[in-house]
Amino acid sequence: MDFNRISGLRTHPAWRLLQADSAPLIISFLHRAFIATNQRSIAAEELATRLDDYLHHLRESFGEKRFPKKGKDYLNDWAKGEQGFLRKYYPAASVGDEPLFDLTPATEKVIEWITSFEQKQFVGTESRLLTIFRLLREIADETETDPSLRIQQLEQEKQAIERKIAQLQAGHITPHDSTRVKEKFLQAEETARQLLSDFRQVEENFRSLDRGVRERITTSNSGKGQMLDTIFSEQDAITESDQGRSFKAFWSWLMSPASQDELQETLQKVLQLPEIESLQSVDSPHSHTTNHEQDTLLEGIRFRLLEAGEKVNSTCALLVEQLRRYLDDQAWLENRRIMEIVREIEQSAIVVRQSPPAEKVFTTLAPLKPEIELPMARGLFRPALRPVIDEVPEEGEANVDTSALYTQHYVDEQQLRSQIRFALQTRTQITLAELVDLYPVKKGLSEVVAYLHIASESDRAVINTDQNQAIGWQDNHGGEKSAWMPSVIFTR
């Protein structure tokens, strides 16, 4: 925070907003429209109507000449590039041509900073201290490399949990502290609002990357490969950064139905507590909104988080779409250039044919056709279906053990299918392990493989590769054999 750094920040949108003559109007209205109502994007016509109503209220108090413009004109001024207090954009999937307005991260930071000036009726210090201690303890536990110390910590936690269970079983229920409940709830509310604010910054970072990609594509003369390598490197840098990986983990957790149900059930349970209901009934003396209106932020936090995360994903999708269009345009330009070169060669060939040059300066080439032999194009050896035997050895000449020719066995799949159908007459499904208990394996591993082949071709059989089962049989000498294979279930 040196002098040059602070001097350079005077061009920042947040600094310009604080220096603006109409800063009280901008901050108060945007707080009322976006922050107090917990909305991320508002249609231009609706927002202009709200601003006209707000201006009418101010003119009644401060005079008609105080704010002479219409609400629509003010919004357009605040969204201009040199201001950057609002972001005006057209959604990608919109049917009409009405734009949307959204807060910029700089404006939201200013509103949060101004809001922090208000004197809070309740400042929770214990919950903040406990949160700091809990986070530091989690860091220490996760980075512990000594197994004995880690086991000792887990044993202490286990003993503490067992003591609590014993107290509950004995009927000793410790009453909760209402002050601590209110303190933790207000901290959760503040954290949730900061989380939604952070999403605007994440979205702005991806949007800046998208703008940089468009500018680089427009002004760069480098090759397509080099251009894509630079763009993908920047995208990977954002995706693999701490911010990108944190957002990826957040989105994976939020997309889990179990996590959403757990969050919703916990919120409903907490909002029904008497201490929280007492907070909802108290009006804030420094704001036009009530605490009940602020509590709706947590009540619908799941949907607001989904909306915020979806906007970030949509911004990333725009970047991918821009790259796809760039590749399509480059391919079209390259194909067009190739066709132009081919046409020039054809035109030159026609000119040469009509008026050939002198023989000394013109050389003819015999038509050449390259012969290409690819090793992988050669076919593999296939044995003949009907081999021709030239010589048959006479008795006593061949020193070959022919007993294997008479000890072969044949697995009849039709018989196995009949066994499956017969077993399913009294039940709706049967596993392969249950089936071999009814009909023991007689042909060894080949019979087990035949069952697996039948299951792979049948629409009424399921092969679960995530779960294995042991199939046993006896060999010709009475020894026990078994094979581990995926779980197979035959259904009727």
Protein backbone atom coordinates (compact mmCIF):
# COMPACT_ATOMS: atom_id res chain seq x y z
CA MET A 1 0.00 0.00 0.00
CA ASP A 2 2.52 2.61 -1.14
CA PHE A 3 1.84 6.04 -2.64
CA ASN A 4 2.01 4.96 -6.29
CA ARG A 5 -0.28 2.02 -5.69
CA ILE A 6 -2.92 4.19 -4.02
CA SER A 7 -2.59 6.87 -6.71
CA GLY A 8 -3.24 4.25 -9.38
CA LEU A 9 -6.37 3.10 -7.57
CA ARG A 10 -8.03 6.47 -8.20
CA THR A 11 -9.10 5.14 -11.59
CA HIS A 12 -10.74 2.08 -10.02
CA PRO A 13 -14.57 1.96 -10.42
CA ALA A 14 -15.00 1.72 -6.64
CA TRP A 15 -12.98 4.90 -6.09
CA ARG A 16 -14.88 6.71 -8.87
CA LEU A 17 -18.17 5.68 -7.29
CA LEU A 18 -17.19 7.15 -3.93
CA GLN A 19 -16.09 10.41 -5.65
CA ALA A 20 -19.24 10.70 -7.80
CA ASP A 21 -21.57 13.63 -7.08
CA SER A 22 -24.57 11.29 -7.10
CA ALA A 23 -22.89 8.61 -4.97
CA PRO A 24 -25.66 8.68 -2.29
CA LEU A 25 -28.28 8.08 -5.00
CA ILE A 26 -26.31 5.29 -6.68
CA ILE A 27 -25.34 3.44 -3.52
CA SER A 28 -28.73 3.73 -1.80
CA PHE A 29 -30.73 2.67 -4.85
CA LEU A 30 -28.48 -0.22 -5.86
CA HIS A 31 -28.48 -1.49 -2.29
CA ARG A 32 -32.27 -1.31 -2.23
CA ALA A 33 -32.66 -2.98 -5.64
CA PHE A 34 -30.02 -5.73 -5.51
CA ILE A 35 -28.64 -6.31 -2.01
CA ALA A 36 -31.77 -5.89 0.12
CA THR A 37 -33.87 -8.03 -2.24
CA ASN A 38 -31.09 -10.59 -2.85
CA GLN A 39 -31.39 -10.36 -6.64
CA ARG A 40 -28.52 -10.89 -9.03
CA SER A 41 -29.96 -9.69 -12.34
CA ILE A 42 -32.91 -7.38 -13.02
CA ALA A 43 -34.54 -6.58 -16.35
CA ALA A 44 -33.86 -3.07 -17.66
CA GLU A 45 -37.51 -2.01 -17.79
CA GLU A 46 -38.25 -3.26 -14.27
CA LEU A 47 -35.12 -1.62 -12.82
CA ALA A 48 -35.89 1.69 -14.59
CA THR A 49 -39.42 1.65 -13.13
CA ARG A 50 -38.03 1.10 -9.63
CA LEU A 51 -35.55 3.94 -10.09
CA ASP A 52 -38.29 6.31 -11.33
CA ASP A 53 -40.32 5.58 -8.20
CA TYR A 54 -37.27 6.12 -6.01
CA LEU A 55 -36.43 9.41 -7.79
CA HIS A 56 -40.01 10.59 -7.35
CA HIS A 57 -39.72 9.97 -3.61
CA LEU A 58 -36.42 11.91 -3.45
CA ARG A 59 -37.79 14.84 -5.48
CA GLU A 60 -40.63 15.24 -3.04
CA SER A 61 -38.07 15.64 -0.27
CA PHE A 62 -35.27 17.60 -1.99
CA GLY A 63 -37.02 19.41 -4.85
CA GLU A 64 -37.90 18.67 -8.46
CA LYS A 65 -34.57 19.93 -9.85
CA ARG A 66 -32.38 17.69 -7.72
CA PHE A 67 -32.43 14.70 -10.10
CA PRO A 68 -33.67 15.90 -13.50
CA LYS A 69 -33.02 12.77 -15.62
CA LYS A 70 -35.21 9.75 -16.07
CA GLY A 71 -34.37 6.45 -14.44
CA LYS A 72 -33.47 4.83 -17.76
CA ASP A 73 -30.91 7.54 -18.52
CA TYR A 74 -29.31 7.20 -15.11
CA LEU A 75 -28.99 3.44 -15.54
CA ASN A 76 -27.34 3.81 -18.93
CA ASP A 77 -24.89 6.37 -17.49
CA TRP A 78 -24.00 4.07 -14.60
CA ALA A 79 -23.40 1.17 -17.01
CA LYS A 80 -21.06 3.07 -19.36
CA GLY A 81 -17.50 1.87 -19.69
CA GLU A 82 -15.98 4.89 -17.98
CA GLN A 83 -18.26 4.40 -14.97
CA GLY A 84 -18.60 0.65 -14.56
CA PHE A 85 -21.04 0.83 -11.65
CA LEU A 86 -23.49 -1.55 -13.35
CA ARG A 87 -23.11 -4.27 -15.95
CA LYS A 88 -25.58 -4.18 -18.82
CA TYR A 89 -25.74 -7.32 -20.91
CA TYR A 90 -28.02 -9.45 -23.04
CA PRO A 91 -28.50 -13.03 -21.84
CA ALA A 92 -27.45 -15.70 -24.31
CA ALA A 93 -30.75 -17.64 -24.19
CA SER A 94 -33.09 -14.61 -24.20
CA VAL A 95 -36.01 -14.59 -26.60
CA GLY A 96 -36.56 -10.83 -26.66
CA ASP A 97 -34.14 -7.92 -26.92
CA GLU A 98 -34.48 -6.57 -23.36
CA PRO A 99 -31.13 -6.25 -21.57
CA LEU A 100 -30.40 -7.13 -17.96
CA PHE A 101 -28.53 -5.17 -15.29
CA ASP A 102 -26.26 -6.63 -12.64
CA LEU A 103 -23.92 -5.20 -10.03
CA THR A 104 -20.21 -5.13 -10.71
CA PRO A 105 -17.84 -6.51 -8.06
CA ALA A 106 -16.44 -3.02 -7.43
CA THR A 107 -19.89 -1.56 -6.73
CA GLU A 108 -20.78 -4.41 -4.42
CA LYS A 109 -17.55 -3.89 -2.46
CA VAL A 110 -18.44 -0.21 -1.98
CA ILE A 111 -21.94 -1.09 -0.78
CA GLU A 112 -20.56 -3.64 1.67
CA TRP A 113 -18.02 -1.11 2.93
CA ILE A 114 -20.66 1.59 3.43
CA THR A 115 -22.94 -0.94 5.15
CA SER A 116 -20.17 -1.79 7.61
CA PHE A 117 -20.32 1.82 8.90
CA GLU A 118 -23.67 1.14 10.56
CA GLN A 119 -23.60 0.40 14.25
CA LYS A 120 -24.61 -3.19 14.79
CA GLN A 121 -26.99 -4.00 17.59
CA PHE A 122 -25.35 -7.35 18.13
CA VAL A 123 -21.67 -8.05 17.53
CA GLY A 124 -20.76 -11.71 17.88
CA THR A 125 -17.22 -12.06 19.11
CA GLU A 126 -17.34 -15.54 20.62
CA SER A 127 -18.52 -17.25 17.44
CA ARG A 128 -15.85 -15.49 15.40
CA LEU A 129 -13.16 -16.55 17.86
CA LEU A 130 -14.44 -20.13 17.88
CA THR A 131 -14.56 -20.13 14.08
CA ILE A 132 -10.95 -18.96 13.91
CA PHE A 133 -9.88 -21.60 16.41
CA ARG A 134 -11.84 -24.33 14.59
CA LEU A 135 -10.30 -23.44 11.22
CA LEU A 136 -6.80 -23.36 12.66
CA ARG A 137 -7.36 -26.70 14.37
CA GLU A 138 -8.63 -28.25 11.12
CA ILE A 139 -5.54 -26.98 9.31
CA ALA A 140 -3.27 -28.43 11.99
CA ASP A 141 -5.11 -31.77 11.93
CA GLU A 142 -5.11 -32.08 8.14
CA THR A 143 -1.40 -31.28 7.86
CA GLU A 144 -0.34 -33.62 10.67
CA THR A 145 2.01 -36.28 9.28
CA ASP A 146 2.68 -38.20 12.49
CA PRO A 147 0.17 -41.10 12.63
CA SER A 148 0.48 -41.49 16.41
CA LEU A 149 -0.42 -37.85 17.05
CA ARG A 150 -3.30 -38.05 14.60
CA ILE A 151 -4.62 -41.19 16.30
CA GLN A 152 -4.30 -39.49 19.68
CA GLN A 153 -6.36 -36.52 18.44
CA LEU A 154 -9.06 -38.81 17.04
CA GLU A 155 -9.18 -40.77 20.29
CA GLN A 156 -9.73 -37.55 22.23
CA GLU A 157 -12.57 -36.60 19.89
CA LYS A 158 -14.00 -40.08 20.25
CA GLN A 159 -13.93 -39.86 24.05
CA ALA A 160 -15.63 -36.46 23.97
CA ILE A 161 -18.39 -37.85 21.73
CA GLU A 162 -18.84 -40.89 23.96
CA ARG A 163 -19.21 -38.62 27.02
CA LYS A 164 -21.91 -36.63 25.26
CA ILE A 165 -23.72 -39.82 24.26
CA ALA A 166 -23.57 -41.08 27.85
CA GLN A 167 -25.00 -37.79 29.15
CA LEU A 168 -27.88 -37.97 26.68
CA GLN A 169 -28.57 -41.58 27.54
CA ALA A 170 -28.68 -40.60 31.20
CA GLY A 171 -31.23 -37.89 30.42
CA HIS A 172 -28.90 -34.93 30.97
CA ILE A 173 -29.58 -32.47 28.15
CA THR A 174 -27.54 -29.27 28.34
CA PRO A 175 -29.75 -26.27 27.48
CA HIS A 176 -28.47 -24.26 24.56
CA ASP A 177 -27.42 -20.64 24.91
CA SER A 178 -29.86 -18.38 23.04
CA THR A 179 -27.23 -15.66 22.68
CA ARG A 180 -24.81 -18.07 21.07
CA VAL A 181 -27.53 -19.31 18.71
CA LYS A 182 -28.29 -15.75 17.54
CA GLU A 183 -24.59 -15.03 17.21
CA LYS A 184 -23.92 -18.05 15.02
CA PHE A 185 -26.98 -17.39 12.88
CA LEU A 186 -25.98 -13.79 12.17
CA GLN A 187 -22.47 -14.94 11.32
CA ALA A 188 -23.86 -17.58 8.94
CA GLU A 189 -26.03 -14.90 7.31
CA GLU A 190 -23.05 -12.58 6.86
CA THR A 191 -20.91 -15.40 5.45
CA ALA A 192 -23.67 -16.34 2.99
CA ARG A 193 -23.91 -12.76 1.75
CA GLN A 194 -20.13 -12.58 1.32
CA LEU A 195 -20.22 -15.89 -0.57
CA LEU A 196 -22.76 -14.53 -3.05
CA SER A 197 -20.62 -11.41 -3.41
CA ASP A 198 -17.55 -13.52 -4.16
CA PHE A 199 -19.38 -15.17 -7.05
CA ARG A 200 -19.63 -11.84 -8.84
CA GLN A 201 -15.84 -11.56 -8.63
CA VAL A 202 -15.34 -15.11 -9.91
CA GLU A 203 -17.71 -14.40 -12.80
CA GLU A 204 -15.88 -11.14 -13.53
CA ASN A 205 -12.55 -12.99 -13.69
CA PHE A 206 -13.85 -15.45 -16.28
CA ARG A 207 -15.49 -12.61 -18.19
CA SER A 208 -12.18 -10.73 -18.27
CA LEU A 209 -10.55 -13.84 -19.71
CA ASP A 210 -13.26 -13.98 -22.37
CA ARG A 211 -12.69 -10.32 -23.31
CA GLY A 212 -8.95 -10.90 -23.48
CA VAL A 213 -9.47 -13.87 -25.78
CA ARG A 214 -11.66 -11.83 -28.12
CA GLU A 215 -9.16 -8.97 -28.23
CA ARG A 216 -6.25 -11.32 -28.86
CA ILE A 217 -8.09 -13.10 -31.67
CA THR A 218 -8.93 -9.77 -33.29
CA THR A 219 -5.47 -8.23 -33.13
CA SER A 220 -3.11 -11.22 -33.27
CA ASN A 221 -1.43 -12.44 -36.43
CA SER A 222 0.12 -15.55 -34.89
CA GLY A 223 -0.70 -19.08 -35.95
CA LYS A 224 -3.75 -20.95 -34.79
CA GLY A 225 -1.74 -23.46 -32.78
CA GLN A 226 0.19 -20.80 -30.89
CA MET A 227 -2.99 -18.82 -30.26
CA LEU A 228 -4.88 -21.81 -28.85
CA ASP A 229 -1.92 -22.83 -26.72
CA THR A 230 -1.84 -19.37 -25.12
CA ILE A 231 -5.60 -19.27 -24.55
CA PHE A 232 -5.80 -22.76 -23.08
CA SER A 233 -2.85 -21.99 -20.81
CA GLU A 234 -4.64 -18.95 -19.42
CA GLN A 235 -7.89 -20.88 -18.99
CA ASP A 236 -6.07 -23.72 -17.22
CA ALA A 237 -4.34 -21.20 -15.00
CA ILE A 238 -7.72 -19.89 -13.81
CA THR A 239 -9.35 -23.32 -13.56
CA GLU A 240 -6.44 -24.84 -11.65
CA SER A 241 -5.95 -21.83 -9.40
CA ASP A 242 -7.09 -21.90 -5.78
CA GLN A 243 -10.15 -19.91 -6.77
CA GLY A 244 -11.02 -22.21 -9.66
CA ARG A 245 -10.53 -25.42 -7.71
CA SER A 246 -12.56 -24.02 -4.82
CA PHE A 247 -15.42 -23.19 -7.19
CA LYS A 248 -15.21 -26.65 -8.76
CA ALA A 249 -15.45 -28.29 -5.33
CA PHE A 250 -18.33 -25.99 -4.35
CA TRP A 251 -20.27 -26.78 -7.53
CA SER A 252 -19.76 -30.54 -7.10
CA TRP A 253 -21.08 -30.35 -3.55
CA LEU A 254 -24.05 -28.19 -4.53
CA MET A 255 -25.00 -30.49 -7.42
CA SER A 256 -25.34 -33.42 -5.03
CA PRO A 257 -29.05 -34.07 -4.27
CA ALA A 258 -28.13 -35.38 -0.83
CA SER A 259 -26.25 -32.16 -0.01
CA GLN A 260 -29.16 -30.02 -1.19
CA ASP A 261 -31.67 -32.00 0.90
CA GLU A 262 -29.42 -31.81 3.95
CA LEU A 263 -28.99 -28.05 3.54
CA GLN A 264 -32.73 -27.49 3.13
CA GLU A 265 -33.65 -29.63 6.15
CA THR A 266 -31.07 -27.87 8.34
CA LEU A 267 -32.32 -24.44 7.28
CA GLN A 268 -35.94 -25.31 8.04
CA LYS A 269 -34.97 -26.61 11.47
CA VAL A 270 -32.89 -23.53 12.31
CA LEU A 271 -35.43 -20.97 11.04
CA GLN A 272 -38.11 -22.48 13.29
CA LEU A 273 -36.09 -21.87 16.46
CA PRO A 274 -37.63 -19.27 18.82
CA GLU A 275 -34.36 -17.34 18.97
CA ILE A 276 -34.27 -16.96 15.17
CA GLU A 277 -37.94 -15.99 15.01
CA SER A 278 -37.24 -13.27 17.57
CA LEU A 279 -34.52 -11.92 15.29
CA GLN A 280 -36.96 -11.84 12.38
CA SER A 281 -39.43 -9.72 14.32
CA VAL A 282 -36.91 -6.93 15.07
CA ASP A 283 -36.60 -4.08 12.59
CA SER A 284 -33.22 -2.60 11.80
CA PRO A 285 -33.07 1.10 12.82
CA HIS A 286 -30.45 1.98 10.19
CA SER A 287 -32.05 0.40 7.16
CA HIS A 288 -35.28 0.43 5.17
CA THR A 289 -35.34 -3.34 5.34
CA THR A 290 -36.16 -5.57 8.25
CA ASN A 291 -34.21 -8.49 9.58
CA HIS A 292 -37.01 -10.70 8.35
CA GLU A 293 -36.26 -9.54 4.79
CA GLN A 294 -32.60 -10.23 5.37
CA ASP A 295 -33.34 -13.71 6.68
CA THR A 296 -34.90 -14.63 3.37
CA LEU A 297 -31.33 -14.73 2.07
CA LEU A 298 -30.62 -17.87 4.09
CA GLU A 299 -34.09 -19.27 3.54
CA GLY A 300 -33.54 -19.38 -0.21
CA ILE A 301 -29.74 -19.66 -0.19
CA ARG A 302 -29.79 -22.93 -2.12
CA PHE A 303 -31.54 -21.39 -5.13
CA ARG A 304 -29.40 -18.25 -5.02
CA LEU A 305 -26.23 -20.31 -4.93
CA LEU A 306 -27.46 -22.36 -7.87
CA GLU A 307 -28.24 -19.17 -9.79
CA ALA A 308 -24.83 -17.67 -9.01
CA GLY A 309 -22.96 -20.84 -9.92
CA GLU A 310 -24.95 -21.21 -13.14
CA LYS A 311 -23.95 -17.70 -14.19
CA VAL A 312 -20.29 -18.57 -13.67
CA ASN A 313 -20.70 -21.74 -15.72
CA SER A 314 -22.50 -19.77 -18.45
CA THR A 315 -19.58 -17.36 -18.63
CA CYS A 316 -17.18 -20.29 -19.03
CA ALA A 317 -19.45 -21.69 -21.76
CA LEU A 318 -19.21 -18.37 -23.62
CA LEU A 319 -15.43 -18.69 -23.62
CA VAL A 320 -15.64 -22.21 -25.09
CA GLU A 321 -18.14 -20.99 -27.69
CA GLN A 322 -15.81 -18.17 -28.67
CA LEU A 323 -12.96 -20.64 -29.18
CA ARG A 324 -15.20 -22.88 -31.29
CA ARG A 325 -16.19 -19.96 -33.51
CA TYR A 326 -12.55 -18.98 -33.85
CA LEU A 327 -11.64 -22.48 -35.00
CA ASP A 328 -14.55 -22.56 -37.44
CA ASP A 329 -13.56 -19.19 -38.91
CA GLN A 330 -9.92 -20.22 -39.20
CA ALA A 331 -10.86 -23.51 -40.90
CA TRP A 332 -13.10 -21.65 -43.35
CA LEU A 333 -10.34 -19.16 -44.17
CA GLU A 334 -7.78 -21.94 -44.65
CA ASN A 335 -10.11 -23.92 -46.92
CA ARG A 336 -10.84 -20.80 -48.92
CA ARG A 337 -7.12 -20.11 -49.35
CA ILE A 338 -6.49 -23.71 -50.46
CA MET A 339 -9.25 -23.46 -53.07
CA GLU A 340 -7.77 -20.19 -54.35
CA ILE A 341 -4.34 -21.81 -54.75
CA VAL A 342 -5.83 -24.85 -56.52
CA ARG A 343 -7.75 -22.57 -58.89
CA GLU A 344 -4.60 -20.58 -59.69
CA ILE A 345 -2.75 -23.82 -60.50
CA GLU A 346 -5.59 -24.97 -62.80
CA GLN A 347 -5.67 -21.61 -64.59
CA SER A 348 -1.90 -21.71 -65.06
CA ALA A 349 -2.12 -25.27 -66.44
CA ILE A 350 -4.74 -24.17 -69.00
CA VAL A 351 -2.54 -21.28 -70.14
CA VAL A 352 0.47 -23.61 -70.54
CA ARG A 353 -1.59 -26.12 -72.49
CA GLN A 354 -2.88 -23.52 -74.92
CA SER A 355 0.50 -21.89 -75.53
CA PRO A 356 3.30 -24.19 -74.37
CA PRO A 357 6.69 -22.57 -73.89
CA ALA A 358 9.85 -23.46 -75.77
CA GLU A 359 11.08 -27.02 -75.36
CA LYS A 360 14.34 -25.92 -73.75
CA VAL A 361 12.60 -24.21 -70.86
CA PHE A 362 9.73 -26.66 -70.51
CA THR A 363 10.12 -30.09 -69.01
CA THR A 364 7.58 -32.87 -69.07
CA LEU A 365 7.26 -35.44 -66.35
CA ALA A 366 5.94 -38.91 -66.76
CA PRO A 367 2.84 -39.60 -64.65
CA LEU A 368 3.97 -40.89 -61.31
CA LYS A 369 1.87 -42.92 -58.92
CA PRO A 370 3.46 -43.60 -55.55
CA GLU A 371 3.15 -47.11 -54.22
CA ILE A 372 2.23 -47.13 -50.57
CA GLU A 373 2.60 -50.23 -48.47
CA LEU A 374 1.47 -49.93 -44.91
CA PRO A 375 2.53 -52.68 -42.48
CA MET A 376 -0.77 -52.42 -40.61
CA ALA A 377 -2.71 -52.91 -43.85
CA ARG A 378 -1.54 -56.50 -44.12
CA GLY A 379 -4.13 -58.99 -43.04
CA LEU A 380 -3.55 -61.42 -40.17
CA PHE A 381 -3.21 -65.16 -40.72
CA ARG A 382 -6.52 -67.01 -40.93
CA PRO A 383 -6.57 -70.79 -40.75
CA ALA A 384 -8.42 -72.60 -43.51
CA LEU A 385 -11.96 -73.73 -42.74
CA ARG A 386 -11.29 -77.08 -44.41
CA PRO A 387 -7.62 -77.91 -43.98
CA VAL A 388 -6.08 -80.19 -46.60
CA ILE A 389 -4.01 -82.99 -45.10
CA ASP A 390 -1.35 -84.16 -47.54
CA GLU A 391 0.06 -87.02 -45.53
CA VAL A 392 -1.44 -89.18 -42.83
CA PRO A 393 1.12 -90.84 -40.56
CA GLU A 394 0.86 -94.59 -40.34
CA GLU A 395 0.40 -96.39 -37.10
CA GLY A 396 3.52 -96.38 -34.96
CA GLU A 397 5.25 -93.53 -36.79
CA ALA A 398 3.84 -90.52 -34.88
CA ASN A 399 5.16 -89.92 -31.37
CA VAL A 400 2.15 -87.82 -30.22
CA ASP A 401 -0.11 -88.26 -27.19
CA THR A 402 -3.58 -88.52 -28.72
CA SER A 403 -5.43 -88.95 -25.43
CA ALA A 404 -6.28 -85.25 -25.37
CA LEU A 405 -8.47 -85.78 -28.45
CA TYR A 406 -10.73 -88.13 -26.49
CA THR A 407 -10.89 -86.20 -23.20
CA GLN A 408 -12.33 -82.95 -24.52
CA HIS A 409 -15.71 -81.81 -23.24
CA TYR A 410 -18.34 -79.58 -24.77
CA VAL A 411 -20.37 -76.94 -22.87
CA ASP A 412 -23.97 -76.94 -24.06
CA GLU A 413 -25.21 -73.34 -23.72
CA GLN A 414 -28.75 -74.43 -24.60
CA GLN A 415 -28.80 -76.65 -21.52
CA LEU A 416 -27.50 -73.78 -19.36
CA ARG A 417 -30.24 -71.51 -20.68
CA SER A 418 -32.83 -74.17 -19.80
CA GLN A 419 -31.45 -74.34 -16.26
CA ILE A 420 -31.75 -70.56 -15.92
CA ARG A 421 -35.37 -70.56 -17.16
CA PHE A 422 -36.31 -73.43 -14.85
CA ALA A 423 -34.75 -71.68 -11.83
CA LEU A 424 -36.68 -68.45 -12.60
CA GLN A 425 -40.05 -70.20 -12.59
CA THR A 426 -40.30 -69.82 -8.79
CA ARG A 427 -38.57 -66.43 -8.41
CA THR A 428 -38.17 -63.12 -10.23
CA GLN A 429 -34.37 -63.09 -10.23
CA ILE A 430 -31.43 -65.26 -9.29
CA THR A 431 -27.71 -64.65 -8.97
CA LEU A 432 -25.11 -66.85 -10.63
CA ALA A 433 -23.87 -67.98 -7.21
CA GLU A 434 -27.39 -69.17 -6.31
CA LEU A 435 -27.75 -70.82 -9.71
CA VAL A 436 -24.59 -72.91 -9.36
CA ASP A 437 -25.82 -74.00 -5.93
CA LEU A 438 -28.91 -75.45 -7.64
CA TYR A 439 -26.99 -76.79 -10.62
CA PRO A 440 -23.34 -77.46 -9.67
CA VAL A 441 -20.70 -76.70 -12.25
CA LYS A 442 -19.63 -79.87 -14.08
CA LYS A 443 -17.45 -78.59 -16.90
CA GLY A 444 -15.16 -76.36 -14.84
CA LEU A 445 -14.17 -72.82 -15.72
CA SER A 446 -15.45 -73.13 -19.29
CA GLU A 447 -18.99 -73.62 -17.97
CA VAL A 448 -18.67 -70.53 -15.75
CA VAL A 449 -17.44 -68.51 -18.72
CA ALA A 450 -20.42 -69.80 -20.73
CA TYR A 451 -22.78 -68.43 -18.08
CA LEU A 452 -21.02 -65.06 -18.34
CA HIS A 453 -21.34 -65.17 -22.13
CA ILE A 454 -25.08 -65.85 -21.87
CA ALA A 455 -25.50 -62.89 -19.47
CA SER A 456 -23.61 -60.52 -21.77
CA GLU A 457 -25.92 -61.31 -24.70
CA SER A 458 -29.18 -61.28 -22.75
CA ASP A 459 -31.33 -58.21 -22.16
CA ARG A 460 -32.68 -59.74 -18.94
CA ALA A 461 -29.35 -60.16 -17.21
CA VAL A 462 -27.25 -57.64 -15.28
CA ILE A 463 -23.46 -57.75 -14.89
CA ASN A 464 -22.28 -55.57 -12.01
CA THR A 465 -18.55 -54.93 -12.48
CA ASP A 466 -18.38 -52.95 -9.21
CA GLN A 467 -19.17 -56.06 -7.13
CA ASN A 468 -17.44 -59.44 -7.36
CA GLN A 469 -18.60 -62.89 -6.37
CA ALA A 470 -16.86 -66.25 -5.97
CA ILE A 471 -18.06 -69.22 -8.07
CA GLY A 472 -16.80 -72.63 -6.95
CA TRP A 473 -16.71 -76.13 -8.44
CA GLN A 474 -14.88 -79.44 -8.15
CA ASP A 475 -12.33 -80.57 -10.69
CA ASN A 476 -11.95 -84.11 -12.05
CA HIS A 477 -9.80 -85.11 -9.06
CA GLY A 478 -12.26 -83.82 -6.45
CA GLY A 479 -10.30 -80.67 -5.66
CA GLU A 480 -12.09 -77.42 -4.85
CA LYS A 481 -11.72 -74.67 -7.45
CA SER A 482 -13.15 -71.14 -7.46
CA ALA A 483 -13.05 -68.04 -9.63
CA TRP A 484 -13.72 -64.40 -8.77
CA MET A 485 -15.87 -62.71 -11.37
CA PRO A 486 -18.34 -59.77 -11.66
CA SER A 487 -21.70 -60.26 -9.96
CA VAL A 488 -24.26 -61.67 -12.46
CA ILE A 489 -28.02 -61.53 -11.90
CA PHE A 490 -30.53 -63.25 -14.21
CA THR A 491 -34.10 -61.86 -14.22
CA ARG A 492 -37.36 -63.36 -15.44
